[in-house]
Amino acid sequence: MIEFKTGKVFLFCVCLISIVSGIPDNAIDFTATDVNGKQHNLFTYLNSGKYVLLDFVTTDWVSCTGTVSYLNPEYTKYGSNTGKLIILTIFKDGYDGDAKIWDQKNKPLYPSISGDKGGRQIEALYGIVIHYHIMLIAPNRKIVEKRIDPYDTIGRILQKWIGTNDIKPAFLTKTDEPVVRISDGKIKLALPADENCRLTLFSSKGQAITKNKSYNAVNNEIFIQPQNGLSKGLYFIQIQYDNKDKIYKLVIR
C-alpha cells in the first residue's frame, strides 16, 4: 500500500515537471490586442512595476471556466488592472467572436486575447502544453510561478508575491459615474439591462465593507440595503456585470 501511494506521488511529480519543462525562466515580450480592441504589451506592464498573470484557456475545454470565479475577486482586489497586478486571458484557439461568446457565458472581468489575435503565438512562446494553465510574471521579468494549481491557491500566491499593503482601487481618485444617494435605508442603482451582477462596497479609503455579492436586477434596477447601516460620509460602489466594471460614488448625508 505504501508503495502504491509513493508511486502516485512520483507519477504526479513527473507529470508536473513535464508540464512546466518547456516554460522559460524569464518572460518573453509580446504585444497583442484584446477582443475589445485594447493593445497590451507585456514589457510595458513589467517596466511599470506590475505583476502579470496569464490565464491560458481554450474555448471548448470545460475546466478552463473554473478559473474565473477565483480570478474575478483578485482582479477587483488589486485595482481592476490599474494597480500592481494585470490579469489577461490568453485563448489558445478561436477568433474574437469565439472569445466573446466564451466571455459572455463565463463573465470574466479581465481582458481576453483570442487565438487569432496573438493567443496562439503567446502560447507557443511560453511552451504551454495543456488546455488550461496559469502563470505569474514578476516586474523583474522572472516567471515566479510557472504553474498555479489548484485554483484555490491563487489568492494566497498573489498575496505572497504582491502583498496587500498597496492595494488602492483606482476609483479613489477618479470615477465618471454619477453620485448616488441613499434613501429609506436602501441604495438604488440603475443598469442598462436586467443582469446578474456582483457588487462590492468600499469605504472612502478603499477598504472593502462588503465582499463580492450577487444581485439580480429587476426592471433595470437593483436595491442594496447594508446589513448594519452606514454612517455619514463618502463611499464607492463597484458593480460588475456582463464584462463591465462600473464605479459609483455614494454620499450619505
Protein backbone atom coordinates (compact mmCIF):
# COMPACT_ATOMS: atom_id res chain seq x y z
CA MET A 1 0.00 0.00 0.00
CA ILE A 2 2.81 2.39 0.81
CA GLU A 3 4.48 1.62 -2.49
CA PHE A 4 1.24 2.37 -4.37
CA LYS A 5 0.87 5.81 -2.74
CA THR A 6 4.51 6.61 -3.35
CA GLY A 7 4.07 5.64 -6.98
CA LYS A 8 1.12 8.03 -7.32
CA VAL A 9 3.15 10.89 -5.86
CA PHE A 10 6.06 10.08 -8.14
CA LEU A 11 3.77 9.98 -11.18
CA PHE A 12 2.23 13.34 -10.21
CA CYS A 13 5.68 14.92 -9.89
CA VAL A 14 6.77 13.55 -13.27
CA CYS A 15 3.61 14.95 -14.89
CA LEU A 16 4.12 18.36 -13.29
CA ILE A 17 7.76 18.51 -14.39
CA SER A 18 6.67 17.58 -17.90
CA ILE A 19 4.04 20.34 -17.97
CA VAL A 20 6.46 23.11 -16.94
CA SER A 21 9.64 21.80 -18.57
CA GLY A 22 9.20 23.86 -21.73
CA ILE A 23 8.36 27.09 -19.90
CA PRO A 24 11.23 29.62 -19.86
CA ASP A 25 12.61 31.12 -16.67
CA ASN A 26 12.30 34.67 -17.98
CA ALA A 27 9.46 36.50 -19.69
CA ILE A 28 9.34 36.85 -23.46
CA ASP A 29 7.83 40.09 -24.69
CA PHE A 30 4.63 40.21 -26.71
CA THR A 31 2.11 42.74 -27.96
CA ALA A 32 -1.48 41.69 -28.62
CA THR A 33 -4.92 43.25 -28.96
CA ASP A 34 -7.82 42.03 -26.83
CA VAL A 35 -11.37 41.38 -28.05
CA ASN A 36 -12.38 44.96 -27.19
CA GLY A 37 -9.60 46.50 -29.28
CA LYS A 38 -7.18 47.45 -26.47
CA GLN A 39 -3.49 46.72 -27.04
CA HIS A 40 -1.38 45.05 -24.36
CA ASN A 41 2.41 44.97 -24.25
CA LEU A 42 3.95 42.69 -21.63
CA PHE A 43 7.20 44.57 -21.07
CA THR A 44 5.36 47.89 -20.75
CA TYR A 45 3.43 46.43 -17.83
CA LEU A 46 6.52 44.87 -16.25
CA ASN A 47 8.59 48.03 -16.66
CA SER A 48 5.84 49.87 -14.78
CA GLY A 49 6.39 47.62 -11.77
CA LYS A 50 3.37 45.41 -12.35
CA TYR A 51 2.96 41.68 -11.99
CA VAL A 52 1.25 39.97 -14.93
CA LEU A 53 -0.89 36.87 -14.55
CA LEU A 54 -1.58 34.96 -17.77
CA ASP A 55 -4.55 32.61 -17.79
CA PHE A 56 -4.22 30.28 -20.79
CA VAL A 57 -7.53 28.71 -21.80
CA THR A 58 -9.33 27.15 -24.75
CA THR A 59 -12.85 27.95 -25.93
CA ASP A 60 -14.10 24.37 -25.68
CA TRP A 61 -12.49 22.94 -22.54
CA VAL A 62 -14.84 22.95 -19.53
CA SER A 63 -12.09 23.03 -16.88
CA CYS A 64 -10.88 26.37 -18.23
CA THR A 65 -14.03 28.09 -16.95
CA GLY A 66 -13.15 27.27 -13.35
CA THR A 67 -10.52 29.99 -13.15
CA VAL A 68 -13.00 32.85 -13.49
CA SER A 69 -14.56 32.55 -10.04
CA TYR A 70 -11.09 32.76 -8.46
CA LEU A 71 -9.60 35.43 -10.70
CA ASN A 72 -12.51 37.89 -10.72
CA PRO A 73 -12.16 38.73 -6.99
CA GLU A 74 -8.38 39.14 -7.35
CA TYR A 75 -8.88 41.38 -10.39
CA THR A 76 -11.13 43.61 -8.30
CA LYS A 77 -8.97 43.40 -5.18
CA TYR A 78 -5.84 44.58 -6.99
CA GLY A 79 -7.46 47.53 -8.75
CA SER A 80 -9.05 46.09 -11.92
CA ASN A 81 -5.80 46.12 -13.94
CA THR A 82 -4.89 49.63 -12.74
CA GLY A 83 -2.77 48.60 -9.74
CA LYS A 84 0.16 46.24 -9.26
CA LEU A 85 -1.50 43.27 -10.98
CA ILE A 86 -2.53 42.77 -14.61
CA ILE A 87 -4.69 39.75 -15.47
CA LEU A 88 -5.12 38.61 -19.08
CA THR A 89 -6.93 35.63 -20.55
CA ILE A 90 -4.95 34.10 -23.40
CA PHE A 91 -7.01 31.90 -25.71
CA LYS A 92 -5.04 29.15 -27.40
CA ASP A 93 -7.63 28.82 -30.14
CA GLY A 94 -10.52 30.60 -31.83
CA TYR A 95 -11.28 34.05 -33.17
CA ASP A 96 -12.51 37.21 -31.44
CA GLY A 97 -16.09 36.05 -31.87
CA ASP A 98 -15.37 32.74 -30.14
CA ALA A 99 -13.64 34.50 -27.27
CA LYS A 100 -16.54 36.94 -26.87
CA ILE A 101 -19.03 34.08 -26.66
CA TRP A 102 -16.85 32.42 -24.00
CA ASP A 103 -16.63 35.73 -22.11
CA GLN A 104 -20.39 36.30 -22.25
CA LYS A 105 -21.01 32.84 -20.88
CA ASN A 106 -18.37 32.80 -18.14
CA LYS A 107 -18.21 36.56 -17.36
CA PRO A 108 -14.52 37.22 -16.64
CA LEU A 109 -13.96 40.87 -15.71
CA TYR A 110 -10.43 40.97 -17.13
CA PRO A 111 -9.44 41.30 -20.84
CA SER A 112 -9.31 38.39 -23.28
CA ILE A 113 -6.93 37.88 -26.20
CA SER A 114 -8.19 35.43 -28.81
CA GLY A 115 -6.06 32.82 -30.51
CA ASP A 116 -6.36 34.66 -33.80
CA LYS A 117 -5.13 37.97 -32.32
CA GLY A 118 -1.98 36.66 -30.69
CA GLY A 119 -3.05 33.94 -28.27
CA ARG A 120 -1.60 31.08 -30.32
CA GLN A 121 1.74 32.87 -30.67
CA ILE A 122 1.89 33.65 -26.94
CA GLU A 123 1.13 30.01 -26.12
CA ALA A 124 4.00 28.92 -28.37
CA LEU A 125 6.38 31.50 -26.85
CA TYR A 126 5.76 30.13 -23.37
CA GLY A 127 5.69 26.42 -24.17
CA ILE A 128 2.16 25.78 -22.88
CA VAL A 129 1.24 22.12 -23.46
CA ILE A 130 -2.11 21.61 -21.71
CA HIS A 131 -5.61 23.04 -22.14
CA TYR A 132 -5.55 25.34 -19.10
CA HIS A 133 -2.55 26.94 -17.46
CA ILE A 134 -1.97 29.93 -15.15
CA MET A 135 1.42 31.60 -14.67
CA LEU A 136 2.67 34.71 -12.88
CA ILE A 137 5.42 37.04 -14.13
CA ALA A 138 7.20 39.50 -11.82
CA PRO A 139 8.30 43.04 -12.72
CA ASN A 140 11.93 41.84 -12.94
CA ARG A 141 10.76 39.62 -15.87
CA LYS A 142 11.20 36.39 -13.92
CA ILE A 143 8.41 33.83 -14.23
CA VAL A 144 7.98 33.35 -10.50
CA GLU A 145 5.08 30.90 -10.76
CA LYS A 146 5.33 28.66 -13.81
CA ARG A 147 2.04 26.96 -13.00
CA ILE A 148 -0.56 27.90 -10.39
CA ASP A 149 -2.69 24.89 -9.49
CA PRO A 150 -5.08 24.22 -7.82
CA TYR A 151 -7.15 27.33 -8.45
CA ASP A 152 -7.97 27.95 -4.80
CA THR A 153 -4.31 28.80 -4.14
CA ILE A 154 -4.40 31.83 -6.47
CA GLY A 155 -5.25 34.36 -3.74
CA ARG A 156 -2.54 33.14 -1.36
CA ILE A 157 0.09 33.09 -4.10
CA LEU A 158 -0.72 36.61 -5.25
CA GLN A 159 -0.60 37.87 -1.69
CA LYS A 160 2.78 36.17 -1.20
CA TRP A 161 4.31 37.98 -4.18
CA ILE A 162 2.41 41.25 -4.31
CA GLY A 163 1.12 41.71 -0.77
CA THR A 164 -1.92 43.81 0.11
CA ASN A 165 -0.49 46.98 1.66
CA ASP A 166 -0.55 49.00 -1.55
CA ILE A 167 -3.96 47.98 -2.86
CA LYS A 168 -5.80 51.19 -3.65
CA PRO A 169 -8.64 50.95 -6.14
CA ALA A 170 -8.30 53.41 -9.00
CA PHE A 171 -11.71 54.90 -8.31
CA LEU A 172 -10.39 56.55 -5.14
CA THR A 173 -9.04 59.27 -7.39
CA LYS A 174 -11.32 59.05 -10.43
CA THR A 175 -14.86 57.99 -11.21
CA ASP A 176 -17.00 59.00 -14.14
CA GLU A 177 -20.23 57.64 -12.74
CA PRO A 178 -22.83 59.88 -11.09
CA VAL A 179 -23.20 60.33 -7.37
CA VAL A 180 -25.82 58.03 -5.86
CA ARG A 181 -27.62 58.92 -2.66
CA ILE A 182 -29.22 56.62 -0.17
CA SER A 183 -32.93 56.83 0.63
CA ASP A 184 -35.08 54.87 3.08
CA GLY A 185 -32.02 52.87 4.04
CA LYS A 186 -31.65 51.47 0.52
CA ILE A 187 -29.21 52.21 -2.31
CA LYS A 188 -30.83 52.26 -5.76
CA LEU A 189 -28.66 51.72 -8.84
CA ALA A 190 -29.85 51.75 -12.45
CA LEU A 191 -28.49 49.29 -15.03
CA PRO A 192 -28.96 49.39 -18.81
CA ALA A 193 -30.50 45.90 -18.74
CA ASP A 194 -31.67 43.22 -16.34
CA GLU A 195 -28.43 41.45 -15.45
CA ASN A 196 -26.96 39.27 -12.76
CA CYS A 197 -24.25 41.38 -11.18
CA ARG A 198 -21.70 41.41 -8.40
CA LEU A 199 -21.28 44.33 -6.05
CA THR A 200 -18.59 45.45 -3.62
CA LEU A 201 -18.97 48.43 -1.29
CA PHE A 202 -15.79 50.32 -0.36
CA SER A 203 -15.01 52.99 2.21
CA SER A 204 -13.50 56.30 1.08
CA LYS A 205 -10.07 54.79 1.86
CA GLY A 206 -10.63 51.80 -0.40
CA GLN A 207 -11.36 49.23 2.30
CA ALA A 208 -13.98 46.67 1.29
CA ILE A 209 -17.05 46.89 3.52
CA THR A 210 -18.96 44.15 1.71
CA LYS A 211 -17.35 41.44 -0.37
CA ASN A 212 -18.37 40.44 -3.89
CA LYS A 213 -22.08 39.68 -3.52
CA SER A 214 -24.51 38.62 -6.23
CA TYR A 215 -27.63 40.60 -7.04
CA ASN A 216 -30.32 40.22 -9.68
CA ALA A 217 -31.54 43.36 -11.43
CA VAL A 218 -35.31 43.83 -11.70
CA ASN A 219 -36.73 46.40 -14.10
CA ASN A 220 -33.15 47.52 -14.79
CA GLU A 221 -32.57 48.39 -11.13
CA ILE A 222 -31.01 46.85 -8.07
CA PHE A 223 -31.59 47.80 -4.46
CA ILE A 224 -28.95 47.27 -1.80
CA GLN A 225 -29.59 47.58 1.90
CA PRO A 226 -26.40 47.40 4.02
CA GLN A 227 -26.92 44.95 6.86
CA ASN A 228 -25.58 47.18 9.61
CA GLY A 229 -26.34 50.54 8.07
CA LEU A 230 -23.78 53.14 7.05
CA SER A 231 -22.62 56.29 8.80
CA LYS A 232 -22.46 59.63 7.04
CA GLY A 233 -19.66 60.03 4.54
CA LEU A 234 -18.30 59.08 1.12
CA TYR A 235 -18.31 55.51 -0.22
CA PHE A 236 -17.64 53.77 -3.52
CA ILE A 237 -19.73 51.04 -5.08
CA GLN A 238 -18.13 48.75 -7.63
CA ILE A 239 -20.64 46.85 -9.74
CA GLN A 240 -19.62 44.18 -12.25
CA TYR A 241 -21.89 42.70 -14.90
CA ASP A 242 -21.74 41.50 -18.50
CA ASN A 243 -17.96 42.07 -18.69
CA LYS A 244 -18.42 45.65 -17.47
CA ASP A 245 -16.93 47.25 -14.40
CA LYS A 246 -18.73 50.39 -13.18
CA ILE A 247 -17.97 52.63 -10.24
CA TYR A 248 -20.47 54.79 -8.38
CA LYS A 249 -19.84 57.34 -5.68
CA LEU A 250 -22.22 57.13 -2.74
CA VAL A 251 -22.70 60.13 -0.48
CA ILE A 252 -24.60 59.71 2.78
CA ARG A 253 -25.52 62.99 4.38
